[in-house]
Amino acid sequence: MSCKPITFCNVSPDTFTCMKNKLQDADIYIPPGNKGKLSWAGIVADFEWDGKCILTIKITEKPIFISCDVAAYKIQKFVLECHGS
């Protein structure tokens, strides 16, 4: 079961790079480029950044015991930690 997409506005190139670095520091593989798939702890998500300011993340798989809201929160933390940095 996939969850509704999460869209972040005003994601600058610095914020996107920071987010990818933080995910990699947490041993989560992030493919190069502006779109791809990431996975960890049973959560699988597709991401796409427009190269300017809009980042969309769609959780496509998750453990049954984790709600879409909890899975989204885990991803949002990485973006929000970098926003404005």
Protein backbone atom coordinates (compact mmCIF):
# COMPACT_ATOMS: atom_id res chain seq x y z
CA MET A 1 0.00 0.00 0.00
CA SER A 2 1.44 3.35 -0.95
CA CYS A 3 0.84 6.57 0.89
CA LYS A 4 -0.15 9.93 -0.52
CA PRO A 5 2.78 11.94 -1.88
CA ILE A 6 4.54 14.45 0.37
CA THR A 7 5.48 17.71 -1.35
CA PHE A 8 7.99 20.15 0.06
CA CYS A 9 8.20 23.67 -1.36
CA ASN A 10 11.22 25.98 -1.26
CA VAL A 11 13.76 23.15 -1.22
CA SER A 12 16.90 24.91 -2.41
CA PRO A 13 19.85 23.09 -3.99
CA ASP A 14 21.71 23.43 -0.66
CA THR A 15 18.78 21.93 1.25
CA PHE A 16 18.49 19.03 -1.21
CA THR A 17 22.21 18.29 -0.98
CA CYS A 18 22.11 18.49 2.82
CA MET A 19 19.14 16.10 2.94
CA LYS A 20 20.88 13.58 0.70
CA ASN A 21 24.05 13.82 2.83
CA LYS A 22 22.11 13.30 6.06
CA LEU A 23 20.35 10.25 4.61
CA GLN A 24 23.68 8.83 3.44
CA ASP A 25 25.19 9.53 6.88
CA ALA A 26 22.35 7.42 8.30
CA ASP A 27 23.46 4.56 5.97
CA ILE A 28 20.50 5.07 3.62
CA TYR A 29 21.55 4.72 -0.01
CA ILE A 30 20.54 7.68 -2.16
CA PRO A 31 21.13 7.41 -5.92
CA PRO A 32 22.85 10.30 -7.68
CA GLY A 33 20.67 12.83 -9.44
CA ASN A 34 17.36 14.47 -8.67
CA LYS A 35 15.12 11.42 -8.60
CA GLY A 36 15.25 7.84 -7.49
CA LYS A 37 14.31 5.35 -4.83
CA LEU A 38 15.42 5.15 -1.22
CA SER A 39 14.76 2.48 1.35
CA TRP A 40 15.48 1.71 4.97
CA ALA A 41 13.81 -0.18 7.82
CA GLY A 42 11.20 -1.62 5.47
CA ILE A 43 10.15 1.79 4.12
CA VAL A 44 10.59 2.33 0.38
CA ALA A 45 10.01 5.72 -1.20
CA ASP A 46 10.40 7.39 -4.57
CA PHE A 47 11.67 10.97 -4.62
CA GLU A 48 11.84 13.64 -7.28
CA TRP A 49 13.25 17.15 -6.98
CA ASP A 50 12.64 19.62 -9.80
CA GLY A 51 16.17 21.05 -9.49
CA LYS A 52 14.88 24.37 -8.16
CA CYS A 53 12.46 24.18 -5.24
CA ILE A 54 9.85 21.37 -5.30
CA LEU A 55 10.63 17.99 -3.72
CA THR A 56 8.04 15.22 -3.91
CA ILE A 57 8.37 11.99 -1.96
CA LYS A 58 5.99 9.06 -2.30
CA ILE A 59 6.19 6.14 0.11
CA THR A 60 5.49 3.03 -1.95
CA GLU A 61 6.08 0.33 0.67
CA LYS A 62 6.12 0.19 4.45
CA PRO A 63 5.73 -2.36 7.21
CA ILE A 64 2.11 -2.97 8.16
CA PHE A 65 2.76 -1.79 11.72
CA ILE A 66 3.99 1.65 10.57
CA SER A 67 1.34 4.16 9.48
CA CYS A 68 1.80 6.45 6.49
CA ASP A 69 2.00 9.39 8.90
CA VAL A 70 4.84 7.83 10.90
CA ALA A 71 6.74 6.86 7.74
CA ALA A 72 6.27 10.39 6.35
CA TYR A 73 7.47 11.93 9.63
CA LYS A 74 10.68 9.89 9.48
CA ILE A 75 11.40 11.26 6.00
CA GLN A 76 10.30 14.82 6.83
CA LYS A 77 12.83 14.98 9.67
CA PHE A 78 15.72 14.78 7.19
CA VAL A 79 14.28 17.54 5.01
CA LEU A 80 13.35 19.83 7.90
CA GLU A 81 16.78 19.43 9.56
CA CYS A 82 18.32 20.89 6.41
CA HIS A 83 15.74 23.47 5.47
CA GLY A 84 17.31 26.90 5.62
CA SER A 85 20.81 25.58 6.24
